[in-house]
Structures are given as structure tokens and as C-alpha cells.
Protein backbone atom coordinates (compact mmCIF):
# COMPACT_ATOMS: atom_id res chain seq x y z
CA MET A 1 -136.52 62.78 -146.28
CA PRO A 2 -133.04 61.18 -146.69
CA LYS A 3 -131.68 58.96 -143.94
CA LYS A 4 -128.99 60.31 -141.71
CA GLU A 5 -125.56 59.13 -142.84
CA ARG A 6 -123.92 57.02 -140.17
CA LYS A 7 -120.33 56.08 -139.61
CA ARG A 8 -119.31 52.58 -138.51
CA LEU A 9 -116.75 52.07 -135.82
CA GLN A 10 -115.31 48.71 -134.84
CA VAL A 11 -113.60 48.37 -131.51
CA VAL A 12 -112.20 45.49 -129.56
CA ILE A 13 -113.62 45.20 -126.03
CA SER A 14 -113.00 42.75 -123.23
CA GLU A 15 -115.50 40.13 -122.14
CA GLU A 16 -116.09 42.20 -119.02
CA GLN A 17 -116.89 45.29 -121.09
CA ASP A 18 -119.23 43.26 -123.29
CA ALA A 19 -120.98 41.99 -120.17
CA LEU A 20 -121.40 45.58 -118.94
CA LEU A 21 -122.88 46.61 -122.29
CA THR A 22 -125.29 43.65 -122.22
CA ARG A 23 -126.34 44.32 -118.65
CA THR A 24 -126.80 48.03 -119.32
CA ALA A 25 -128.89 47.36 -122.47
CA TYR A 26 -131.02 44.91 -120.46
CA GLU A 27 -131.56 47.36 -117.65
CA LEU A 28 -132.53 50.17 -120.01
CA SER A 29 -134.91 47.93 -121.96
CA SER A 30 -138.59 47.62 -121.26
CA PRO A 31 -141.30 45.25 -122.50
CA GLU A 32 -142.23 47.94 -125.00
CA ARG A 33 -138.71 48.67 -126.22
CA LEU A 34 -135.58 46.60 -126.36
CA ILE A 35 -132.35 48.58 -126.23
CA SER A 36 -129.38 47.34 -128.25
CA LYS A 37 -125.77 47.47 -127.17
CA SER A 38 -125.11 49.91 -130.03
CA GLU A 39 -127.71 52.24 -128.55
CA VAL A 40 -125.97 52.01 -125.18
CA VAL A 41 -122.69 53.00 -126.81
CA ARG A 42 -124.31 55.96 -128.62
CA LEU A 43 -125.97 57.04 -125.34
CA ALA A 44 -122.62 56.85 -123.52
CA ILE A 45 -120.92 58.96 -126.22
CA GLU A 46 -123.61 61.64 -125.98
CA LYS A 47 -123.56 61.60 -122.14
CA ILE A 48 -119.77 61.84 -121.94
CA ALA A 49 -119.63 64.65 -124.52
CA GLN A 50 -122.34 66.57 -122.69
CA GLU A 51 -120.56 66.20 -119.35
CA LEU A 52 -117.18 67.23 -120.80
CA GLY A 53 -118.84 70.27 -122.39
CA GLU A 54 -120.02 71.24 -118.92
CA GLY A 55 -116.64 70.52 -117.34
CA ILE A 56 -118.06 67.62 -115.33
CA HIS A 57 -116.02 64.52 -114.47
CA LEU A 58 -113.03 65.54 -116.66
CA GLU A 59 -110.34 64.34 -114.24
CA GLU A 60 -112.35 61.19 -113.42
CA TYR A 61 -112.57 60.32 -117.15
CA ARG A 62 -108.86 60.94 -117.60
CA ALA A 63 -108.06 58.67 -114.63
CA ILE A 64 -110.25 55.91 -116.10
CA LEU A 65 -108.51 56.26 -119.48
CA ASP A 66 -105.11 56.07 -117.82
CA SER A 67 -106.03 52.77 -116.15
CA GLU A 68 -104.86 49.56 -117.78
CA ASP A 69 -108.46 48.25 -118.16
CA ILE A 70 -109.33 50.87 -120.79
CA SER A 71 -106.05 51.59 -122.53
CA ASP A 72 -105.47 50.64 -126.18
CA GLU A 73 -101.83 50.01 -125.43
CA THR A 74 -100.77 46.42 -125.03
């Protein structure tokens, strides 16, 4: 069976965001399974897409994206 084709995405994140990723990966990990920061990002993408599909948290996500902490604009 062929492997799934994956796309690579490179983003610039702040030290605070990196710390959040690290902490989240650590909290989701167990002695049996270590969770990577990439897996946390993929989980977040799936969770956000699911919630938006259900109409949940739309305005909250928009407000977060409008904040200066998340914006791509410099």
C-alpha cells in the first residue's frame, strides 16, 4: 500500500507559541507514546476544522486571528 502523500508547511512562530507546542506535546504524551509538536499542530488543524464545520467558536477564532499575537502582519 503506498504511503500517503504529505505536504510540508514551514511557519514562523514566536518563542511563546513554541513553548505552548512543547508543553501541549508533553501533556499529551504518555510513557507508551511520545507526541511530537508536529502531531499537536495536525491535531489542532483537525480540531479547528471540525469545530468550524459545526459552527462552533467561529467568532472566537476570528477574534484570536485579529489579535496582534497571531497576525502575520508586521
